[in-house]
Amino acid sequence: MWADLILVFRQLRNAPRFVLLAVTTLSLAIGANSAVFSIADAVLFRPLPYANPERVYILRMLNPKTGKYLPLVPFQYLEAVARATCVESVAGHGMLRDSSE
């Protein structure tokens, strides 16, 4: 086995470009794999950093042209709060709608 390893290292020493390409490819693949699993761990496997994560809702607004519910962007939320008679009616809208729509 030692003779085989010595032969491999001699051949790699004669091909430095191949060694550089192989090391670069491996380092990029390991880095990308690590980044993907870090994001998956943070998003999928860890609980939300809130006291009651089951009470977090997405506010959506009905688009009259398409008839679909779309998430609110910040300026639309401020407009909805300004038009509402009370903030609870705007904040409670997401609790009344089913998230599957």
Protein backbone atom coordinates (compact mmCIF):
# COMPACT_ATOMS: atom_id res chain seq x y z
CA MET A 1 0.00 0.00 0.00
CA TRP A 2 2.83 2.44 0.78
CA ALA A 3 4.33 1.84 -2.64
CA ASP A 4 1.01 2.72 -4.26
CA LEU A 5 0.74 5.95 -2.26
CA ILE A 6 4.29 6.94 -3.18
CA LEU A 7 3.49 6.31 -6.85
CA VAL A 8 0.32 8.45 -6.60
CA PHE A 9 2.20 11.36 -5.02
CA ARG A 10 4.91 11.19 -7.70
CA GLN A 11 2.31 11.32 -10.45
CA LEU A 12 0.49 14.23 -8.76
CA ARG A 13 3.77 16.11 -8.41
CA ASN A 14 4.20 15.81 -12.19
CA ALA A 15 0.72 17.27 -12.82
CA PRO A 16 0.38 20.42 -10.66
CA ARG A 17 -2.46 21.89 -12.73
CA PHE A 18 -4.59 18.81 -12.18
CA VAL A 19 -3.90 18.95 -8.43
CA LEU A 20 -4.83 22.65 -8.32
CA LEU A 21 -8.03 22.00 -10.28
CA ALA A 22 -9.00 19.04 -8.09
CA VAL A 23 -8.33 20.93 -4.83
CA THR A 24 -10.25 24.00 -6.06
CA THR A 25 -13.21 21.90 -7.19
CA LEU A 26 -13.34 20.02 -3.90
CA SER A 27 -13.10 23.20 -1.83
CA LEU A 28 -15.91 24.88 -3.79
CA ALA A 29 -18.12 21.79 -3.53
CA ILE A 30 -17.52 21.44 0.22
CA GLY A 31 -18.15 25.16 0.76
CA ALA A 32 -21.40 25.13 -1.24
CA ASN A 33 -22.58 22.01 0.55
CA SER A 34 -21.82 23.58 3.91
CA ALA A 35 -23.69 26.77 2.99
CA VAL A 36 -26.79 24.89 1.80
CA PHE A 37 -26.95 22.76 4.94
CA SER A 38 -26.43 25.81 7.16
CA ILE A 39 -29.39 27.55 5.53
CA ALA A 40 -31.52 24.39 5.69
CA ASP A 41 -30.68 23.99 9.37
CA ALA A 42 -31.62 27.58 10.17
CA VAL A 43 -34.83 27.58 8.11
CA LEU A 44 -36.20 24.05 8.39
CA PHE A 45 -34.93 22.45 11.57
CA ARG A 46 -34.71 25.16 14.21
CA PRO A 47 -37.82 26.63 15.82
CA LEU A 48 -38.75 30.25 15.18
CA PRO A 49 -37.19 32.72 17.63
CA TYR A 50 -40.58 33.86 18.96
CA ALA A 51 -42.43 33.11 22.17
CA ASN A 52 -45.47 31.63 20.38
CA PRO A 53 -44.40 30.70 16.81
CA GLU A 54 -47.79 29.11 16.08
CA ARG A 55 -49.34 32.60 16.31
CA VAL A 56 -47.21 34.13 13.53
CA TYR A 57 -49.34 35.00 10.50
CA ILE A 58 -48.80 36.43 7.05
CA LEU A 59 -50.90 39.46 6.19
CA ARG A 60 -52.35 39.24 2.72
CA MET A 61 -54.44 41.54 0.62
CA LEU A 62 -57.00 40.58 -2.01
CA ASN A 63 -55.99 41.68 -5.49
CA PRO A 64 -59.29 42.80 -7.09
CA LYS A 65 -57.99 42.24 -10.64
CA THR A 66 -56.94 38.61 -10.20
CA GLY A 67 -59.03 37.61 -7.19
CA LYS A 68 -55.95 36.12 -5.49
CA TYR A 69 -54.53 36.88 -2.07
CA LEU A 70 -50.99 38.28 -2.17
CA PRO A 71 -48.63 39.09 0.72
CA LEU A 72 -48.62 42.71 1.82
CA VAL A 73 -45.55 44.81 1.21
CA PRO A 74 -44.68 47.46 3.83
CA PHE A 75 -46.24 50.46 2.07
CA GLN A 76 -49.49 48.52 1.49
CA TYR A 77 -49.59 47.61 5.18
CA LEU A 78 -49.25 51.27 6.16
CA GLU A 79 -52.04 52.22 3.72
CA ALA A 80 -54.29 49.49 5.16
CA VAL A 81 -53.61 50.69 8.71
CA ALA A 82 -54.39 54.28 7.68
CA ARG A 83 -57.72 53.22 6.10
CA ALA A 84 -58.76 50.95 8.97
CA THR A 85 -60.88 52.20 11.82
CA CYS A 86 -58.79 50.16 14.22
CA VAL A 87 -55.44 48.41 13.83
CA GLU A 88 -56.83 45.13 15.21
CA SER A 89 -59.01 44.70 12.14
CA VAL A 90 -55.95 44.86 9.90
CA ALA A 91 -53.80 42.73 12.17
CA GLY A 92 -56.56 40.15 12.60
CA HIS A 93 -57.21 39.73 8.89
CA GLY A 94 -54.53 37.05 8.51
CA MET A 95 -56.00 35.03 11.37
CA LEU A 96 -59.39 34.79 9.69
CA ARG A 97 -58.15 33.56 6.32
CA ASP A 98 -56.97 30.03 5.63
CA SER A 99 -53.29 29.97 4.59
CA SER A 100 -54.01 27.50 1.78
CA GLU A 101 -55.83 30.10 -0.35
